Protein backbone atom coordinates (compact mmCIF):
# COMPACT_ATOMS: atom_id res chain seq x y z
CA UNK A 1 0.00 0.00 0.00
CA UNK A 2 1.11 3.54 -0.80
CA UNK A 3 -0.31 6.70 0.76
CA UNK A 4 0.26 9.99 -1.04
CA UNK A 5 -0.57 13.26 0.74
CA UNK A 6 -0.71 16.73 -0.72
CA UNK A 7 -2.81 19.11 -2.76
CA UNK A 8 -3.85 18.59 -6.37
CA UNK A 9 -5.56 21.18 -8.53
CA UNK A 10 -8.45 20.14 -10.77
CA UNK A 11 -6.94 18.02 -13.58
CA UNK A 12 -3.61 18.16 -11.75
CA UNK A 13 -1.34 15.13 -11.69
CA UNK A 14 1.27 13.54 -9.48
CA UNK A 15 3.89 11.01 -10.55
CA UNK A 16 5.19 8.45 -8.10
CA UNK A 17 8.55 7.00 -9.10
CA UNK A 18 10.18 4.59 -6.68
CA UNK A 19 9.93 6.15 -3.24
CA UNK A 20 9.48 9.73 -4.39
CA UNK A 21 6.54 11.82 -5.60
CA UNK A 22 6.64 14.76 -8.02
CA UNK A 23 4.80 16.77 -5.34
CA UNK A 24 3.44 16.16 -1.85
CA UNK A 25 4.66 13.41 0.44
CA UNK A 26 4.71 9.66 0.03
CA UNK A 27 4.64 6.64 2.32
CA UNK A 28 5.42 3.28 0.76
CA UNK A 29 6.80 2.06 -2.58
CA UNK A 30 5.83 -0.22 -5.43
CA UNK A 31 7.53 -3.64 -5.31
CA UNK A 32 9.13 -3.46 -8.77
CA UNK A 33 7.19 -6.45 -10.15
CA UNK A 34 3.86 -6.64 -12.08
CA UNK A 35 1.00 -5.38 -9.90
CA UNK A 36 -2.66 -4.48 -10.17
CA UNK A 37 -3.52 -1.02 -8.83
CA UNK A 38 -6.58 0.20 -6.96
CA UNK A 39 -6.98 3.89 -6.05
CA UNK A 40 -9.32 4.67 -3.14
CA UNK A 41 -10.45 8.07 -4.48
CA UNK A 42 -13.20 7.86 -7.11
CA UNK A 43 -12.30 11.29 -8.52
CA UNK A 44 -8.69 10.25 -9.21
CA UNK A 45 -7.67 8.35 -12.33
CA UNK A 46 -4.57 6.32 -13.16
CA UNK A 47 -2.95 7.76 -16.30
CA UNK A 48 0.34 5.83 -16.19
CA UNK A 49 0.57 2.34 -14.73
CA UNK A 50 3.57 0.45 -13.44
CA UNK A 51 4.93 -1.57 -16.39
CA UNK A 52 8.12 -3.20 -17.64
CA UNK A 53 9.36 -0.03 -19.39
CA UNK A 54 9.41 1.87 -16.07
CA UNK A 55 10.66 -1.03 -13.95
CA UNK A 56 7.16 -1.49 -12.46
CA UNK A 57 8.06 1.39 -10.10
CA UNK A 58 6.25 4.37 -11.61
CA UNK A 59 2.66 5.54 -11.80
CA UNK A 60 0.88 8.80 -12.48
CA UNK A 61 -2.44 9.90 -11.04
CA UNK A 62 -4.74 12.73 -12.21
CA UNK A 63 -7.41 14.35 -10.07
CA UNK A 64 -10.67 15.30 -11.74
CA UNK A 65 -11.39 17.88 -9.04
CA UNK A 66 -9.35 19.99 -6.65
CA UNK A 67 -8.41 17.90 -3.62
CA UNK A 68 -6.38 18.29 -0.50
CA UNK A 69 -5.61 15.20 1.48
CA UNK A 70 -4.36 11.67 1.26
CA UNK A 71 -4.88 9.21 -1.58
CA UNK A 72 -4.44 5.52 -0.79
CA UNK A 73 -3.10 3.32 -3.58
CA UNK A 74 -3.39 -0.40 -3.01
CA UNK A 75 -1.31 -2.75 -5.10
CA UNK A 76 -1.40 -6.50 -5.47
CA UNK A 77 1.25 -8.63 -7.15
CA UNK A 78 -0.06 -10.36 -10.29
CA UNK A 79 1.39 -13.57 -11.61
């Protein structure tokens, strides 16, 4: 599980790469293997998924409305 905290403007995005975020703060990391992703916020979409070309360590989220607060990203290893 990853928890990102910060402020996103409407249609704003945040990229999580390894253990760092392009803005805000981050707790947790992706495992670096194929995973399925579930985002807890219904107004937030996944625009870049972890995949082989990014080492399964990068994802980008976009908010469809202005938000301030945490977003929980749950991942599950797929085989």
